[in-house]
Amino acid sequence: MMNWSKCPAVESVPGRLGGAWVFTNTRVPVSALFGNLAEGVTVNEFLDWFHGVEEWHVREVLEHVVSGLDASVRHESTV
C-alpha cells in the first residue's frame, strides 16, 4: 500500500472527493492519472485535459510510485 502522505504533489482533504488522494490544489484524483495512462493517454494529453495539474505533479507522483516499488523489492529480497 502506497503512503501518499509522503508525496508533496498530492493531498487528501476530508470533504473533497470523499478524502480521495488528489493532485495538490485540484479536485483531480491521482487515480485519474493511472486510469488514463492505462488507456494509452500520454502525459501531455492528461495535462491538457486536467487543468490545474502541472507536469511537476505528475513527475512527483510517478517518482513516488517507482520509489515505493523499489522499496518493496529491497524489502522482499531481505526477507
N, C-alpha and C. Protein backbone atom coordinates (compact mmCIF):
# COMPACT_ATOMS: atom_id res chain seq x y z
N MET A 1 0.84 -1.18 0.00
CA MET A 1 0.00 0.00 0.00
C MET A 1 0.89 1.24 0.00
N MET A 2 0.64 2.15 -0.91
CA MET A 2 1.43 3.37 -1.02
C MET A 2 1.11 4.32 0.12
N ASN A 3 2.15 4.97 0.65
CA ASN A 3 1.97 6.00 1.65
C ASN A 3 2.00 7.35 0.93
N TRP A 4 0.85 7.79 0.47
CA TRP A 4 0.76 9.01 -0.32
C TRP A 4 1.05 10.26 0.50
N SER A 5 0.97 10.17 1.82
CA SER A 5 1.22 11.35 2.65
C SER A 5 2.64 11.87 2.51
N LYS A 6 3.55 11.06 1.99
CA LYS A 6 4.94 11.46 1.79
C LYS A 6 5.20 12.06 0.41
N CYS A 7 4.17 12.18 -0.40
CA CYS A 7 4.32 12.73 -1.75
C CYS A 7 3.79 14.17 -1.76
N PRO A 8 4.67 15.15 -2.02
CA PRO A 8 4.26 16.56 -1.96
C PRO A 8 3.29 17.00 -3.06
N ALA A 9 3.10 16.20 -4.06
CA ALA A 9 2.24 16.59 -5.18
C ALA A 9 0.78 16.23 -4.97
N VAL A 10 0.47 15.55 -3.86
CA VAL A 10 -0.91 15.12 -3.63
C VAL A 10 -1.36 15.49 -2.23
N GLU A 11 -2.68 15.50 -2.06
CA GLU A 11 -3.26 15.77 -0.76
C GLU A 11 -4.59 15.04 -0.64
N SER A 12 -4.96 14.78 0.59
CA SER A 12 -6.26 14.20 0.88
C SER A 12 -6.96 15.15 1.83
N VAL A 13 -8.07 15.72 1.38
CA VAL A 13 -8.78 16.71 2.17
C VAL A 13 -10.16 16.15 2.50
N PRO A 14 -10.44 15.96 3.80
CA PRO A 14 -11.78 15.48 4.17
C PRO A 14 -12.84 16.40 3.56
N GLY A 15 -13.85 15.80 2.97
CA GLY A 15 -14.92 16.59 2.36
C GLY A 15 -14.68 16.92 0.90
N ARG A 16 -13.47 16.69 0.40
CA ARG A 16 -13.19 16.90 -1.03
C ARG A 16 -13.03 15.54 -1.67
N LEU A 17 -13.97 15.19 -2.52
CA LEU A 17 -13.98 13.90 -3.21
C LEU A 17 -13.87 12.74 -2.23
N GLY A 18 -14.54 12.88 -1.11
CA GLY A 18 -14.57 11.80 -0.11
C GLY A 18 -13.21 11.50 0.50
N GLY A 19 -12.32 12.47 0.49
CA GLY A 19 -10.99 12.26 1.06
C GLY A 19 -10.03 11.53 0.15
N ALA A 20 -10.42 11.34 -1.11
CA ALA A 20 -9.53 10.66 -2.06
C ALA A 20 -8.26 11.47 -2.24
N TRP A 21 -7.19 10.80 -2.60
CA TRP A 21 -5.93 11.49 -2.89
C TRP A 21 -6.08 12.21 -4.22
N VAL A 22 -5.84 13.52 -4.19
CA VAL A 22 -5.96 14.36 -5.37
C VAL A 22 -4.65 15.12 -5.56
N PHE A 23 -4.43 15.61 -6.77
CA PHE A 23 -3.27 16.46 -7.00
C PHE A 23 -3.46 17.75 -6.20
N THR A 24 -2.39 18.23 -5.59
CA THR A 24 -2.47 19.40 -4.71
C THR A 24 -3.18 20.57 -5.39
N ASN A 25 -4.06 21.19 -4.62
CA ASN A 25 -4.82 22.37 -5.05
C ASN A 25 -5.72 22.11 -6.26
N THR A 26 -6.13 20.84 -6.42
CA THR A 26 -7.06 20.50 -7.51
C THR A 26 -8.13 19.57 -6.94
N ARG A 27 -9.07 19.21 -7.78
CA ARG A 27 -10.05 18.17 -7.44
C ARG A 27 -9.83 16.94 -8.33
N VAL A 28 -8.65 16.83 -8.92
CA VAL A 28 -8.34 15.73 -9.83
C VAL A 28 -7.73 14.58 -9.05
N PRO A 29 -8.42 13.45 -8.99
CA PRO A 29 -7.88 12.30 -8.25
C PRO A 29 -6.62 11.73 -8.91
N VAL A 30 -5.70 11.29 -8.08
CA VAL A 30 -4.48 10.66 -8.57
C VAL A 30 -4.83 9.44 -9.42
N SER A 31 -5.88 8.75 -9.06
CA SER A 31 -6.29 7.57 -9.82
C SER A 31 -6.62 7.91 -11.27
N ALA A 32 -7.02 9.15 -11.54
CA ALA A 32 -7.32 9.56 -12.92
C ALA A 32 -6.07 9.47 -13.79
N LEU A 33 -4.92 9.80 -13.21
CA LEU A 33 -3.68 9.70 -13.98
C LEU A 33 -3.43 8.27 -14.41
N PHE A 34 -3.51 7.34 -13.45
CA PHE A 34 -3.19 5.95 -13.76
C PHE A 34 -4.24 5.32 -14.67
N GLY A 35 -5.49 5.67 -14.49
CA GLY A 35 -6.54 5.16 -15.39
C GLY A 35 -6.32 5.62 -16.81
N ASN A 36 -5.96 6.88 -16.98
CA ASN A 36 -5.72 7.42 -18.31
C ASN A 36 -4.46 6.83 -18.94
N LEU A 37 -3.39 6.72 -18.16
CA LEU A 37 -2.16 6.11 -18.69
C LEU A 37 -2.43 4.67 -19.14
N ALA A 38 -3.23 3.95 -18.37
CA ALA A 38 -3.56 2.57 -18.73
C ALA A 38 -4.33 2.49 -20.04
N GLU A 39 -5.05 3.55 -20.36
CA GLU A 39 -5.82 3.59 -21.61
C GLU A 39 -4.99 4.10 -22.79
N GLY A 40 -3.71 4.44 -22.55
CA GLY A 40 -2.84 4.87 -23.64
C GLY A 40 -2.72 6.37 -23.80
N VAL A 41 -3.30 7.12 -22.87
CA VAL A 41 -3.21 8.58 -22.92
C VAL A 41 -1.78 8.99 -22.56
N THR A 42 -1.25 9.98 -23.24
CA THR A 42 0.09 10.46 -22.91
C THR A 42 0.00 11.44 -21.74
N VAL A 43 1.13 11.68 -21.10
CA VAL A 43 1.17 12.64 -20.01
C VAL A 43 0.76 14.03 -20.51
N ASN A 44 1.23 14.41 -21.68
CA ASN A 44 0.87 15.72 -22.23
C ASN A 44 -0.64 15.84 -22.47
N GLU A 45 -1.26 14.77 -22.97
CA GLU A 45 -2.72 14.79 -23.15
C GLU A 45 -3.41 14.93 -21.80
N PHE A 46 -2.94 14.17 -20.82
CA PHE A 46 -3.53 14.24 -19.48
C PHE A 46 -3.45 15.67 -18.95
N LEU A 47 -2.29 16.29 -19.09
CA LEU A 47 -2.12 17.67 -18.61
C LEU A 47 -3.03 18.64 -19.35
N ASP A 48 -3.26 18.41 -20.63
CA ASP A 48 -4.17 19.26 -21.40
C ASP A 48 -5.61 19.10 -20.92
N TRP A 49 -5.99 17.90 -20.57
CA TRP A 49 -7.38 17.60 -20.20
C TRP A 49 -7.72 17.96 -18.76
N PHE A 50 -6.73 17.90 -17.87
CA PHE A 50 -6.99 18.10 -16.44
C PHE A 50 -6.31 19.38 -15.97
N HIS A 51 -7.02 20.47 -16.14
CA HIS A 51 -6.48 21.79 -15.81
C HIS A 51 -6.20 21.88 -14.31
N GLY A 52 -5.09 22.49 -14.00
CA GLY A 52 -4.67 22.61 -12.61
C GLY A 52 -3.58 21.61 -12.26
N VAL A 53 -3.56 20.49 -12.96
CA VAL A 53 -2.49 19.52 -12.75
C VAL A 53 -1.30 19.98 -13.59
N GLU A 54 -0.15 20.04 -12.96
CA GLU A 54 1.05 20.50 -13.65
C GLU A 54 2.02 19.35 -13.83
N GLU A 55 2.96 19.56 -14.72
CA GLU A 55 3.93 18.49 -15.02
C GLU A 55 4.67 18.03 -13.76
N TRP A 56 5.01 18.95 -12.88
CA TRP A 56 5.73 18.55 -11.67
C TRP A 56 4.89 17.63 -10.79
N HIS A 57 3.56 17.84 -10.80
CA HIS A 57 2.67 16.94 -10.05
C HIS A 57 2.83 15.50 -10.55
N VAL A 58 2.73 15.36 -11.87
CA VAL A 58 2.80 14.03 -12.48
C VAL A 58 4.17 13.41 -12.23
N ARG A 59 5.22 14.19 -12.41
CA ARG A 59 6.58 13.68 -12.20
C ARG A 59 6.75 13.19 -10.76
N GLU A 60 6.30 13.99 -9.79
CA GLU A 60 6.41 13.60 -8.38
C GLU A 60 5.64 12.32 -8.07
N VAL A 61 4.43 12.22 -8.62
CA VAL A 61 3.61 11.03 -8.37
C VAL A 61 4.27 9.79 -8.96
N LEU A 62 4.76 9.89 -10.18
CA LEU A 62 5.41 8.74 -10.81
C LEU A 62 6.69 8.36 -10.07
N GLU A 63 7.47 9.35 -9.66
CA GLU A 63 8.69 9.06 -8.89
C GLU A 63 8.35 8.43 -7.55
N HIS A 64 7.26 8.87 -6.94
CA HIS A 64 6.83 8.30 -5.66
C HIS A 64 6.47 6.82 -5.83
N VAL A 65 5.77 6.52 -6.89
CA VAL A 65 5.38 5.12 -7.15
C VAL A 65 6.62 4.26 -7.41
N VAL A 66 7.53 4.75 -8.22
CA VAL A 66 8.76 3.99 -8.50
C VAL A 66 9.54 3.77 -7.21
N SER A 67 9.65 4.80 -6.41
CA SER A 67 10.35 4.69 -5.13
C SER A 67 9.71 3.63 -4.24
N GLY A 68 8.38 3.62 -4.20
CA GLY A 68 7.67 2.62 -3.41
C GLY A 68 7.89 1.21 -3.94
N LEU A 69 7.94 1.06 -5.25
CA LEU A 69 8.18 -0.25 -5.84
C LEU A 69 9.60 -0.71 -5.54
N ASP A 70 10.56 0.22 -5.65
CA ASP A 70 11.95 -0.12 -5.34
C ASP A 70 12.09 -0.56 -3.88
N ALA A 71 11.39 0.14 -2.98
CA ALA A 71 11.45 -0.21 -1.56
C ALA A 71 10.85 -1.60 -1.33
N SER A 72 9.79 -1.93 -2.04
CA SER A 72 9.17 -3.25 -1.92
C SER A 72 10.12 -4.35 -2.36
N VAL A 73 10.82 -4.10 -3.47
CA VAL A 73 11.77 -5.09 -3.99
C VAL A 73 12.91 -5.29 -2.99
N ARG A 74 13.45 -4.20 -2.45
CA ARG A 74 14.51 -4.29 -1.47
C ARG A 74 14.05 -5.05 -0.23
N HIS A 75 12.82 -4.77 0.22
CA HIS A 75 12.28 -5.44 1.40
C HIS A 75 12.10 -6.93 1.15
N GLU A 76 11.55 -7.28 -0.02
CA GLU A 76 11.30 -8.68 -0.33
C GLU A 76 12.61 -9.46 -0.46
N SER A 77 13.66 -8.83 -0.96
CA SER A 77 14.91 -9.54 -1.14
C SER A 77 15.64 -9.78 0.18
N THR A 78 15.26 -9.07 1.24
CA THR A 78 15.88 -9.28 2.54
C THR A 78 15.08 -10.21 3.42
N VAL A 79 13.88 -10.55 3.01
CA VAL A 79 13.02 -11.43 3.83
C VAL A 79 13.33 -12.86 3.57
